[in-house]
Amino acid sequence: MAGSTYAQPEYYSTVQTGDVLLSTGQYPTDEVLYRGTDGLHTLSYDSTAKAFTDLGVVLDEFSDTNGWNASPARYSTIRTVMTDAGQPRAVIGKDAA
């Protein structure tokens, strides 16, 4: 998340916590989600190394190419929500449509 690009509100204002199911079928602990130019990313915290690892893009639907940087009316609506007790969180956002 380094770089001057992320000094813009369409990126830094989307930082939040959440549970994300990885391609391995597991949930990392202590995740942070953020929207980058190419979509929604997950950072996982390694308490041994005391550092975050970027696990990459998990949802490219939220990319600049798809217009999610266009206005706060879009990027400010991105949220992680609990959909059902005991189930992983879902990521939602209000599209332009």
N, C-alpha and C. Protein backbone atom coordinates (compact mmCIF):
# COMPACT_ATOMS: atom_id res chain seq x y z
N MET A 1 0.82 -1.18 0.00
CA MET A 1 0.00 0.00 0.00
C MET A 1 0.86 1.25 0.00
N ALA A 2 2.08 1.09 -0.33
CA ALA A 2 3.00 2.23 -0.36
C ALA A 2 2.80 3.03 -1.64
N GLY A 3 3.26 4.25 -1.62
CA GLY A 3 3.23 5.07 -2.82
C GLY A 3 2.25 6.22 -2.70
N SER A 4 2.48 7.24 -3.51
CA SER A 4 1.65 8.44 -3.45
C SER A 4 0.24 8.19 -3.94
N THR A 5 0.03 7.16 -4.76
CA THR A 5 -1.31 6.85 -5.25
C THR A 5 -2.28 6.67 -4.09
N TYR A 6 -1.82 6.02 -3.03
CA TYR A 6 -2.71 5.69 -1.92
C TYR A 6 -2.95 6.86 -0.97
N ALA A 7 -2.40 8.04 -1.29
CA ALA A 7 -2.68 9.24 -0.52
C ALA A 7 -4.01 9.85 -0.93
N GLN A 8 -4.66 9.28 -1.93
CA GLN A 8 -5.95 9.77 -2.41
C GLN A 8 -7.09 9.10 -1.63
N PRO A 9 -8.17 9.83 -1.35
CA PRO A 9 -9.26 9.28 -0.54
C PRO A 9 -9.95 8.06 -1.13
N GLU A 10 -9.94 7.93 -2.45
CA GLU A 10 -10.58 6.76 -3.06
C GLU A 10 -9.85 5.46 -2.71
N TYR A 11 -8.67 5.58 -2.11
CA TYR A 11 -7.91 4.41 -1.66
C TYR A 11 -7.85 4.35 -0.14
N TYR A 12 -7.30 5.38 0.51
CA TYR A 12 -7.09 5.29 1.97
C TYR A 12 -8.40 5.22 2.74
N SER A 13 -9.48 5.79 2.22
CA SER A 13 -10.74 5.76 2.96
C SER A 13 -11.43 4.40 2.90
N THR A 14 -10.91 3.48 2.10
CA THR A 14 -11.53 2.15 1.99
C THR A 14 -10.89 1.12 2.91
N VAL A 15 -9.89 1.50 3.69
CA VAL A 15 -9.21 0.55 4.59
C VAL A 15 -10.18 0.11 5.69
N GLN A 16 -10.30 -1.21 5.89
CA GLN A 16 -11.17 -1.76 6.92
C GLN A 16 -10.76 -3.19 7.24
N THR A 17 -11.30 -3.74 8.30
CA THR A 17 -11.01 -5.12 8.66
C THR A 17 -12.08 -6.03 8.08
N GLY A 18 -11.75 -7.30 7.94
CA GLY A 18 -12.73 -8.25 7.43
C GLY A 18 -12.14 -9.63 7.29
N ASP A 19 -13.01 -10.62 7.17
CA ASP A 19 -12.60 -12.00 6.96
C ASP A 19 -12.73 -12.32 5.48
N VAL A 20 -11.67 -12.83 4.88
CA VAL A 20 -11.66 -13.14 3.46
C VAL A 20 -11.28 -14.59 3.27
N LEU A 21 -12.09 -15.34 2.53
CA LEU A 21 -11.77 -16.73 2.23
C LEU A 21 -10.71 -16.76 1.14
N LEU A 22 -9.57 -17.36 1.45
CA LEU A 22 -8.47 -17.44 0.49
C LEU A 22 -8.66 -18.60 -0.46
N SER A 23 -7.91 -18.64 -1.55
CA SER A 23 -8.00 -19.73 -2.51
C SER A 23 -7.61 -21.06 -1.88
N THR A 24 -6.91 -21.03 -0.75
CA THR A 24 -6.53 -22.25 -0.03
C THR A 24 -7.70 -22.80 0.78
N GLY A 25 -8.79 -22.04 0.86
CA GLY A 25 -9.95 -22.46 1.64
C GLY A 25 -9.84 -22.09 3.11
N GLN A 26 -8.83 -21.30 3.46
CA GLN A 26 -8.63 -20.91 4.85
C GLN A 26 -8.83 -19.41 5.01
N TYR A 27 -9.05 -19.03 6.26
CA TYR A 27 -9.18 -17.62 6.60
C TYR A 27 -7.94 -17.19 7.36
N PRO A 28 -7.18 -16.23 6.85
CA PRO A 28 -6.04 -15.74 7.63
C PRO A 28 -6.55 -14.95 8.83
N THR A 29 -5.71 -14.75 9.82
CA THR A 29 -6.12 -13.95 10.97
C THR A 29 -5.63 -12.52 10.79
N ASP A 30 -6.31 -11.62 11.45
CA ASP A 30 -5.91 -10.20 11.43
C ASP A 30 -5.75 -9.65 10.01
N GLU A 31 -6.85 -9.66 9.26
CA GLU A 31 -6.82 -9.15 7.90
C GLU A 31 -7.24 -7.69 7.85
N VAL A 32 -6.67 -7.00 6.89
CA VAL A 32 -7.06 -5.63 6.57
C VAL A 32 -7.35 -5.60 5.08
N LEU A 33 -8.47 -4.99 4.71
CA LEU A 33 -8.85 -4.85 3.30
C LEU A 33 -8.64 -3.41 2.87
N TYR A 34 -8.23 -3.22 1.63
CA TYR A 34 -8.14 -1.87 1.07
C TYR A 34 -8.36 -1.94 -0.43
N ARG A 35 -8.86 -0.84 -1.00
CA ARG A 35 -9.09 -0.78 -2.44
C ARG A 35 -7.88 -0.13 -3.10
N GLY A 36 -7.28 -0.84 -4.02
CA GLY A 36 -6.18 -0.32 -4.82
C GLY A 36 -6.66 -0.01 -6.22
N THR A 37 -5.79 0.44 -7.07
CA THR A 37 -6.18 0.78 -8.44
C THR A 37 -6.74 -0.43 -9.18
N ASP A 38 -6.25 -1.63 -8.82
CA ASP A 38 -6.66 -2.84 -9.52
C ASP A 38 -7.72 -3.65 -8.80
N GLY A 39 -8.27 -3.15 -7.70
CA GLY A 39 -9.34 -3.85 -6.99
C GLY A 39 -9.10 -3.92 -5.50
N LEU A 40 -9.88 -4.75 -4.83
CA LEU A 40 -9.81 -4.89 -3.38
C LEU A 40 -8.71 -5.88 -3.01
N HIS A 41 -7.82 -5.46 -2.12
CA HIS A 41 -6.69 -6.28 -1.66
C HIS A 41 -6.90 -6.71 -0.22
N THR A 42 -6.19 -7.76 0.18
CA THR A 42 -6.17 -8.21 1.57
C THR A 42 -4.75 -8.19 2.08
N LEU A 43 -4.56 -7.61 3.25
CA LEU A 43 -3.29 -7.66 3.97
C LEU A 43 -3.49 -8.59 5.15
N SER A 44 -2.58 -9.53 5.35
CA SER A 44 -2.64 -10.45 6.48
C SER A 44 -1.47 -10.15 7.42
N TYR A 45 -1.76 -10.07 8.72
CA TYR A 45 -0.72 -9.74 9.69
C TYR A 45 -0.07 -11.00 10.22
N ASP A 46 1.26 -11.05 10.16
CA ASP A 46 2.05 -12.14 10.72
C ASP A 46 2.62 -11.64 12.04
N SER A 47 2.09 -12.17 13.16
CA SER A 47 2.52 -11.68 14.47
C SER A 47 3.95 -12.08 14.80
N THR A 48 4.47 -13.14 14.18
CA THR A 48 5.86 -13.53 14.41
C THR A 48 6.80 -12.55 13.73
N ALA A 49 6.53 -12.25 12.47
CA ALA A 49 7.36 -11.31 11.71
C ALA A 49 7.03 -9.85 12.03
N LYS A 50 5.88 -9.66 12.69
CA LYS A 50 5.40 -8.30 13.00
C LYS A 50 5.31 -7.44 11.75
N ALA A 51 4.67 -8.02 10.72
CA ALA A 51 4.55 -7.33 9.44
C ALA A 51 3.30 -7.81 8.71
N PHE A 52 2.78 -6.95 7.84
CA PHE A 52 1.67 -7.32 6.98
C PHE A 52 2.20 -7.86 5.66
N THR A 53 1.50 -8.83 5.10
CA THR A 53 1.79 -9.36 3.78
C THR A 53 0.59 -9.08 2.89
N ASP A 54 0.81 -8.49 1.72
CA ASP A 54 -0.28 -8.26 0.78
C ASP A 54 -0.57 -9.57 0.07
N LEU A 55 -1.78 -10.09 0.26
CA LEU A 55 -2.17 -11.36 -0.36
C LEU A 55 -2.66 -11.17 -1.78
N GLY A 56 -2.68 -9.94 -2.24
CA GLY A 56 -3.04 -9.67 -3.63
C GLY A 56 -4.50 -9.25 -3.78
N VAL A 57 -4.90 -9.11 -5.02
CA VAL A 57 -6.26 -8.68 -5.34
C VAL A 57 -7.22 -9.83 -5.07
N VAL A 58 -8.26 -9.56 -4.29
CA VAL A 58 -9.27 -10.57 -4.04
C VAL A 58 -10.55 -10.29 -4.82
N LEU A 59 -10.78 -9.03 -5.17
CA LEU A 59 -11.97 -8.67 -5.95
C LEU A 59 -11.60 -7.56 -6.94
N ASP A 60 -11.37 -7.93 -8.20
CA ASP A 60 -11.02 -6.92 -9.19
C ASP A 60 -12.24 -6.12 -9.65
N GLU A 61 -13.43 -6.53 -9.22
CA GLU A 61 -14.64 -5.78 -9.56
C GLU A 61 -14.60 -4.35 -9.02
N PHE A 62 -13.81 -4.11 -7.95
CA PHE A 62 -13.73 -2.80 -7.31
C PHE A 62 -12.56 -1.96 -7.85
N SER A 63 -12.11 -2.22 -9.08
CA SER A 63 -10.95 -1.53 -9.66
C SER A 63 -11.30 -0.15 -10.22
N ASP A 64 -10.27 0.64 -10.48
CA ASP A 64 -10.44 1.93 -11.15
C ASP A 64 -11.02 1.72 -12.54
N THR A 65 -10.60 0.67 -13.21
CA THR A 65 -11.10 0.36 -14.55
C THR A 65 -12.61 0.22 -14.54
N ASN A 66 -13.16 -0.30 -13.44
CA ASN A 66 -14.61 -0.45 -13.30
C ASN A 66 -15.27 0.77 -12.67
N GLY A 67 -14.51 1.87 -12.52
CA GLY A 67 -15.08 3.14 -12.09
C GLY A 67 -15.20 3.37 -10.59
N TRP A 68 -14.57 2.53 -9.77
CA TRP A 68 -14.73 2.66 -8.32
C TRP A 68 -13.93 3.82 -7.73
N ASN A 69 -13.10 4.47 -8.53
CA ASN A 69 -12.38 5.67 -8.07
C ASN A 69 -13.10 6.95 -8.46
N ALA A 70 -14.19 6.85 -9.19
CA ALA A 70 -14.86 8.01 -9.80
C ALA A 70 -15.43 9.02 -8.80
N SER A 71 -16.01 8.54 -7.71
CA SER A 71 -16.60 9.48 -6.76
C SER A 71 -16.82 8.81 -5.41
N PRO A 72 -16.92 9.61 -4.35
CA PRO A 72 -17.21 9.05 -3.03
C PRO A 72 -18.54 8.30 -3.00
N ALA A 73 -19.45 8.66 -3.91
CA ALA A 73 -20.74 7.96 -3.98
C ALA A 73 -20.55 6.47 -4.27
N ARG A 74 -19.41 6.11 -4.81
CA ARG A 74 -19.11 4.70 -5.08
C ARG A 74 -18.16 4.15 -4.03
N TYR A 75 -16.91 4.67 -3.97
CA TYR A 75 -15.90 4.03 -3.11
C TYR A 75 -16.23 4.12 -1.63
N SER A 76 -16.99 5.11 -1.21
CA SER A 76 -17.32 5.22 0.22
C SER A 76 -18.38 4.22 0.66
N THR A 77 -19.00 3.52 -0.29
CA THR A 77 -20.02 2.53 0.06
C THR A 77 -19.46 1.13 0.26
N ILE A 78 -18.17 0.92 -0.01
CA ILE A 78 -17.58 -0.41 0.13
C ILE A 78 -17.53 -0.78 1.60
N ARG A 79 -18.12 -1.93 1.93
CA ARG A 79 -18.19 -2.40 3.32
C ARG A 79 -18.04 -3.92 3.36
N THR A 80 -17.53 -4.40 4.48
CA THR A 80 -17.60 -5.83 4.76
C THR A 80 -18.77 -6.02 5.71
N VAL A 81 -19.60 -7.01 5.45
CA VAL A 81 -20.78 -7.25 6.28
C VAL A 81 -20.88 -8.73 6.61
N MET A 82 -21.41 -9.03 7.79
CA MET A 82 -21.68 -10.41 8.18
C MET A 82 -23.01 -10.79 7.54
N THR A 83 -23.01 -11.84 6.75
CA THR A 83 -24.23 -12.23 6.05
C THR A 83 -25.07 -13.22 6.85
N ASP A 84 -24.44 -14.02 7.71
CA ASP A 84 -25.15 -15.03 8.49
C ASP A 84 -24.24 -15.43 9.64
N ALA A 85 -24.80 -15.76 10.76
CA ALA A 85 -23.99 -16.14 11.93
C ALA A 85 -23.06 -17.29 11.57
N GLY A 86 -21.79 -17.13 11.90
CA GLY A 86 -20.82 -18.18 11.65
C GLY A 86 -20.30 -18.26 10.23
N GLN A 87 -20.78 -17.40 9.36
CA GLN A 87 -20.36 -17.41 7.96
C GLN A 87 -19.36 -16.28 7.73
N PRO A 88 -18.56 -16.39 6.66
CA PRO A 88 -17.61 -15.32 6.37
C PRO A 88 -18.33 -14.04 5.99
N ARG A 89 -17.61 -12.95 6.10
CA ARG A 89 -18.17 -11.67 5.70
C ARG A 89 -18.24 -11.57 4.18
N ALA A 90 -19.15 -10.74 3.73
CA ALA A 90 -19.26 -10.44 2.31
C ALA A 90 -18.80 -9.00 2.11
N VAL A 91 -18.37 -8.69 0.91
CA VAL A 91 -17.99 -7.32 0.58
C VAL A 91 -19.08 -6.76 -0.32
N ILE A 92 -19.59 -5.59 0.04
CA ILE A 92 -20.64 -4.96 -0.75
C ILE A 92 -20.24 -3.54 -1.09
N GLY A 93 -20.85 -3.00 -2.11
CA GLY A 93 -20.64 -1.61 -2.50
C GLY A 93 -21.73 -1.21 -3.48
N LYS A 94 -22.11 0.06 -3.47
CA LYS A 94 -23.16 0.55 -4.36
C LYS A 94 -22.56 0.92 -5.71
N ASP A 95 -22.98 0.20 -6.73
CA ASP A 95 -22.53 0.44 -8.09
C ASP A 95 -23.23 1.68 -8.65
N ALA A 96 -22.73 2.17 -9.76
CA ALA A 96 -23.29 3.37 -10.39
C ALA A 96 -24.67 3.12 -10.98
N ALA A 97 -25.00 1.87 -11.24
CA ALA A 97 -26.29 1.55 -11.89
C ALA A 97 -27.47 1.79 -10.99
